[in-house]
N, C-alpha and C. Protein backbone atom coordinates (compact mmCIF):
# COMPACT_ATOMS: atom_id res chain seq x y z
N MET A 1 183.29 84.58 94.15
CA MET A 1 183.19 85.31 95.42
C MET A 1 181.99 84.79 96.21
N HIS A 2 182.22 83.68 96.81
CA HIS A 2 181.17 83.16 97.69
C HIS A 2 180.94 84.02 98.83
N GLY A 3 179.70 84.22 99.27
CA GLY A 3 179.41 84.92 100.50
C GLY A 3 179.26 86.38 100.32
N GLN A 4 179.68 86.89 99.22
CA GLN A 4 179.66 88.37 99.02
C GLN A 4 178.50 88.68 97.99
N HIS A 5 177.84 89.73 98.23
CA HIS A 5 176.78 90.19 97.38
C HIS A 5 177.33 91.00 96.25
N ALA A 6 176.84 90.87 95.08
CA ALA A 6 177.21 91.67 93.98
C ALA A 6 176.74 93.09 94.21
N THR A 7 177.47 94.04 93.72
CA THR A 7 177.08 95.50 93.89
C THR A 7 176.04 95.88 92.87
N HIS A 8 175.95 95.18 91.80
CA HIS A 8 175.03 95.43 90.70
C HIS A 8 173.77 94.54 90.94
N GLN A 9 172.63 95.18 90.98
CA GLN A 9 171.37 94.37 91.21
C GLN A 9 170.66 94.28 89.84
N GLU A 10 170.13 93.11 89.59
CA GLU A 10 169.25 92.90 88.48
C GLU A 10 167.95 93.56 88.78
N PRO A 11 167.22 94.04 87.69
CA PRO A 11 165.92 94.62 87.89
C PRO A 11 164.96 93.55 88.35
N SER A 12 164.08 93.91 89.19
CA SER A 12 163.12 92.86 89.68
C SER A 12 162.22 92.36 88.54
N TRP A 13 161.75 91.19 88.72
CA TRP A 13 160.91 90.51 87.75
C TRP A 13 159.73 91.41 87.35
N HIS A 14 159.11 91.91 88.45
CA HIS A 14 157.91 92.78 88.27
C HIS A 14 158.29 94.02 87.38
N THR A 15 159.44 94.61 87.65
CA THR A 15 159.82 95.80 86.85
C THR A 15 159.99 95.44 85.42
N THR A 16 160.67 94.32 85.18
CA THR A 16 160.95 93.92 83.74
C THR A 16 159.74 93.45 83.00
N THR A 17 158.64 93.12 83.71
CA THR A 17 157.46 92.60 83.00
C THR A 17 156.29 93.52 83.20
N ALA A 18 156.45 94.69 83.61
CA ALA A 18 155.35 95.62 83.97
C ALA A 18 154.43 95.95 82.84
N GLY A 19 154.94 95.86 81.57
CA GLY A 19 154.12 96.12 80.40
C GLY A 19 153.29 94.96 79.94
N VAL A 20 153.48 93.77 80.43
CA VAL A 20 152.70 92.61 80.09
C VAL A 20 151.34 92.64 80.64
N HIS A 21 150.30 92.48 79.86
CA HIS A 21 149.02 92.52 80.23
C HIS A 21 148.13 91.61 79.41
N ASN A 22 146.93 91.28 79.92
CA ASN A 22 146.01 90.47 79.25
C ASN A 22 145.11 91.40 78.38
N TYR A 23 145.21 91.24 77.07
CA TYR A 23 144.47 92.06 76.11
C TYR A 23 142.96 91.88 76.30
N MET A 24 142.59 90.71 76.75
CA MET A 24 141.17 90.45 76.89
C MET A 24 140.49 91.33 78.00
N GLU A 25 141.31 91.68 78.98
CA GLU A 25 140.75 92.55 80.08
C GLU A 25 140.23 93.85 79.49
N GLN A 26 141.07 94.57 78.69
CA GLN A 26 140.70 95.77 78.16
C GLN A 26 139.49 95.66 77.25
N LEU A 27 139.44 94.58 76.44
CA LEU A 27 138.34 94.39 75.53
C LEU A 27 137.08 94.16 76.26
N VAL A 28 137.09 93.30 77.41
CA VAL A 28 135.89 93.05 78.18
C VAL A 28 135.51 94.39 78.87
N LEU A 29 136.43 95.15 79.45
CA LEU A 29 136.07 96.38 80.17
C LEU A 29 135.49 97.38 79.27
N ASP A 30 136.08 97.59 78.01
CA ASP A 30 135.53 98.47 77.10
C ASP A 30 134.12 98.14 76.71
N ARG A 31 133.90 96.88 76.44
CA ARG A 31 132.55 96.45 76.04
C ARG A 31 131.56 96.54 77.21
N LEU A 32 132.06 96.27 78.37
CA LEU A 32 131.18 96.43 79.55
C LEU A 32 130.71 97.82 79.80
N ARG A 33 131.67 98.70 79.62
CA ARG A 33 131.40 100.13 79.89
C ARG A 33 130.26 100.69 78.94
N LEU A 34 130.20 100.11 77.74
CA LEU A 34 129.26 100.55 76.74
C LEU A 34 127.97 99.73 76.69
N HIS A 35 127.98 98.66 77.50
CA HIS A 35 126.74 97.79 77.49
C HIS A 35 125.58 98.46 78.15
N PRO A 36 124.40 98.47 77.53
CA PRO A 36 123.20 99.09 78.12
C PRO A 36 122.86 98.53 79.53
N GLU A 37 123.03 97.20 79.64
CA GLU A 37 122.65 96.55 80.92
C GLU A 37 123.55 96.98 82.07
N ALA A 38 124.82 97.52 81.74
CA ALA A 38 125.72 97.95 82.77
C ALA A 38 125.37 99.26 83.33
N ILE A 39 124.61 100.05 82.63
CA ILE A 39 124.18 101.38 83.07
C ILE A 39 123.24 101.24 84.22
N GLY A 40 123.50 101.82 85.30
CA GLY A 40 122.63 101.75 86.50
C GLY A 40 123.02 100.59 87.38
N MET A 41 123.88 99.68 86.93
CA MET A 41 124.32 98.52 87.73
C MET A 41 125.38 99.05 88.71
N ASP A 42 125.35 98.51 90.01
CA ASP A 42 126.29 98.94 91.01
C ASP A 42 127.68 98.39 90.64
N GLY A 43 128.67 99.03 91.22
CA GLY A 43 130.07 98.64 90.88
C GLY A 43 130.40 97.23 91.17
N ASP A 44 129.94 96.61 92.28
CA ASP A 44 130.23 95.28 92.58
C ASP A 44 129.64 94.38 91.55
N SER A 45 128.46 94.68 91.12
CA SER A 45 127.84 93.80 90.06
C SER A 45 128.56 93.87 88.74
N ARG A 46 129.04 95.06 88.40
CA ARG A 46 129.82 95.26 87.20
C ARG A 46 131.08 94.50 87.25
N GLU A 47 131.75 94.53 88.44
CA GLU A 47 132.96 93.79 88.63
C GLU A 47 132.73 92.26 88.50
N ASP A 48 131.64 91.85 89.07
CA ASP A 48 131.28 90.38 88.95
C ASP A 48 131.07 90.00 87.49
N VAL A 49 130.37 90.78 86.76
CA VAL A 49 130.18 90.56 85.37
C VAL A 49 131.51 90.42 84.60
N ALA A 50 132.46 91.37 84.89
CA ALA A 50 133.81 91.39 84.27
C ALA A 50 134.54 90.06 84.59
N CYS A 51 134.48 89.80 85.88
CA CYS A 51 135.27 88.52 86.30
C CYS A 51 134.65 87.26 85.73
N ILE A 52 133.36 87.16 85.71
CA ILE A 52 132.73 85.99 85.12
C ILE A 52 133.04 85.87 83.67
N ALA A 53 132.92 87.00 82.97
CA ALA A 53 133.21 86.98 81.54
C ALA A 53 134.67 86.62 81.21
N LEU A 54 135.58 87.29 81.96
CA LEU A 54 137.06 86.99 81.77
C LEU A 54 137.39 85.55 82.03
N ASN A 55 136.71 84.94 83.02
CA ASN A 55 137.04 83.54 83.36
C ASN A 55 136.57 82.62 82.27
N GLN A 56 135.72 83.04 81.33
CA GLN A 56 135.19 82.23 80.22
C GLN A 56 136.11 82.39 79.01
N LEU A 57 137.03 83.31 79.05
CA LEU A 57 137.87 83.66 77.84
C LEU A 57 139.37 83.29 78.10
N ALA A 58 139.93 82.79 76.97
CA ALA A 58 141.35 82.48 77.11
C ALA A 58 142.10 83.79 77.13
N PRO A 59 143.08 83.90 78.06
CA PRO A 59 143.88 85.11 78.14
C PRO A 59 144.79 85.30 76.90
N ARG A 60 144.99 86.51 76.53
CA ARG A 60 145.92 86.83 75.34
C ARG A 60 146.92 87.83 75.91
N TYR A 61 148.03 87.37 76.35
CA TYR A 61 149.01 88.28 76.92
C TYR A 61 149.86 88.98 75.90
N ILE A 62 150.03 90.30 76.07
CA ILE A 62 150.76 91.05 75.11
C ILE A 62 151.57 92.15 75.89
N ARG A 63 152.45 92.79 75.21
CA ARG A 63 153.15 93.93 75.82
C ARG A 63 152.54 95.24 75.42
N HIS A 64 152.06 95.33 74.19
CA HIS A 64 151.49 96.62 73.71
C HIS A 64 150.21 96.29 72.92
N ASP A 65 149.12 97.02 73.16
CA ASP A 65 147.88 96.81 72.39
C ASP A 65 148.08 96.92 70.95
N VAL A 66 148.95 97.79 70.45
CA VAL A 66 149.17 97.82 69.00
C VAL A 66 149.71 96.57 68.44
N ASP A 67 150.44 95.76 69.22
CA ASP A 67 150.99 94.51 68.81
C ASP A 67 149.78 93.61 68.41
N MET A 68 148.77 93.60 69.25
CA MET A 68 147.61 92.73 68.95
C MET A 68 146.89 93.20 67.66
N ALA A 69 146.71 94.40 67.54
CA ALA A 69 146.00 95.05 66.34
C ALA A 69 146.81 94.76 65.05
N PHE A 70 148.10 94.88 65.19
CA PHE A 70 148.98 94.73 64.05
C PHE A 70 149.06 93.25 63.56
N TYR A 71 149.23 92.32 64.53
CA TYR A 71 149.47 90.90 64.19
C TYR A 71 148.22 90.05 64.05
N MET A 72 147.05 90.59 64.33
CA MET A 72 145.84 89.81 64.33
C MET A 72 145.02 90.01 63.04
N ALA A 73 144.67 89.09 62.36
CA ALA A 73 143.85 89.18 61.15
C ALA A 73 142.45 89.78 61.46
N PRO A 74 141.85 90.53 60.63
CA PRO A 74 140.50 91.06 60.90
C PRO A 74 139.51 89.98 61.24
N ALA A 75 139.58 88.81 60.77
CA ALA A 75 138.58 87.78 61.05
C ALA A 75 138.85 87.23 62.48
N GLU A 76 140.12 87.23 62.88
CA GLU A 76 140.45 86.77 64.28
C GLU A 76 139.95 87.91 65.26
N GLN A 77 140.11 89.07 64.98
CA GLN A 77 139.69 90.16 65.86
C GLN A 77 138.16 90.07 65.98
N GLU A 78 137.42 89.81 64.87
CA GLU A 78 135.98 89.73 64.86
C GLU A 78 135.57 88.54 65.78
N LEU A 79 136.30 87.41 65.65
CA LEU A 79 136.01 86.28 66.40
C LEU A 79 136.20 86.51 67.94
N LEU A 80 137.29 87.20 68.27
CA LEU A 80 137.49 87.61 69.68
C LEU A 80 136.37 88.50 70.19
N GLU A 81 135.94 89.46 69.42
CA GLU A 81 134.88 90.37 69.82
C GLU A 81 133.58 89.59 70.03
N GLU A 82 133.33 88.61 69.13
CA GLU A 82 132.12 87.82 69.29
C GLU A 82 132.15 86.95 70.54
N ARG A 83 133.32 86.39 70.87
CA ARG A 83 133.49 85.61 72.09
C ARG A 83 133.26 86.52 73.31
N VAL A 84 133.79 87.70 73.32
CA VAL A 84 133.57 88.63 74.42
C VAL A 84 132.16 88.97 74.60
N THR A 85 131.39 89.21 73.40
CA THR A 85 130.00 89.50 73.56
C THR A 85 129.25 88.35 74.18
N LEU A 86 129.47 87.11 73.74
CA LEU A 86 128.87 85.95 74.35
C LEU A 86 129.18 85.82 75.79
N ALA A 87 130.48 86.03 76.08
CA ALA A 87 130.87 85.86 77.53
C ALA A 87 130.17 86.86 78.42
N LEU A 88 129.99 88.16 77.89
CA LEU A 88 129.34 89.15 78.62
C LEU A 88 127.86 88.84 78.83
N GLU A 89 127.22 88.37 77.78
CA GLU A 89 125.82 88.11 77.83
C GLU A 89 125.62 86.96 78.96
N ASP A 90 126.45 85.93 78.88
CA ASP A 90 126.38 84.92 79.90
C ASP A 90 126.59 85.38 81.31
N ALA A 91 127.67 86.31 81.43
CA ALA A 91 127.99 86.87 82.77
C ALA A 91 126.80 87.72 83.28
N PHE A 92 126.19 88.54 82.43
CA PHE A 92 125.07 89.38 82.87
C PHE A 92 123.93 88.44 83.33
N ALA A 93 123.64 87.32 82.66
CA ALA A 93 122.59 86.47 83.05
C ALA A 93 122.86 85.76 84.35
N LYS A 94 124.21 85.41 84.65
CA LYS A 94 124.51 84.82 85.90
C LYS A 94 124.41 85.79 87.05
N VAL A 95 124.83 87.01 86.82
CA VAL A 95 124.71 88.03 87.87
C VAL A 95 123.27 88.41 88.13
N ARG A 96 122.47 88.45 87.12
CA ARG A 96 121.01 88.73 87.36
C ARG A 96 120.32 87.60 88.12
N SER A 97 120.80 86.40 87.93
CA SER A 97 120.20 85.28 88.65
C SER A 97 120.63 85.08 90.11
N MET A 98 121.68 85.78 90.43
CA MET A 98 122.27 85.71 91.85
C MET A 98 121.79 86.86 92.70
N PRO A 99 121.10 86.66 93.79
CA PRO A 99 120.74 87.83 94.61
C PRO A 99 121.94 88.42 95.24
N ARG A 100 122.05 89.66 95.38
CA ARG A 100 123.14 90.39 96.01
C ARG A 100 123.05 90.18 97.53
N ARG A 101 124.19 89.93 98.16
CA ARG A 101 124.26 89.83 99.62
C ARG A 101 124.68 91.14 100.19
N SER A 102 124.06 91.53 101.25
CA SER A 102 124.37 92.84 101.92
C SER A 102 125.56 92.60 102.89
């Protein structure tokens, strides 16, 4: 049927992949929220820290957080957490060294 549109529409790509997310984002944001240096820091600076840290880490795309916890060995989880800690420390240092523009 050339020239005619099908009456059945496929779900959009965004709809079918809405559950896919980067596991590292939540890990970084959770650690950032608890970090003593983030307390009292303005929102823009906290977002800068998050972005700088995330850009240092390889993304780990998953559909459900429980997938990551279930399939990852404890040693691998520990290594990821260590990498997040190091990335955050580096990000805090970079943000501290950059004067904020008004």
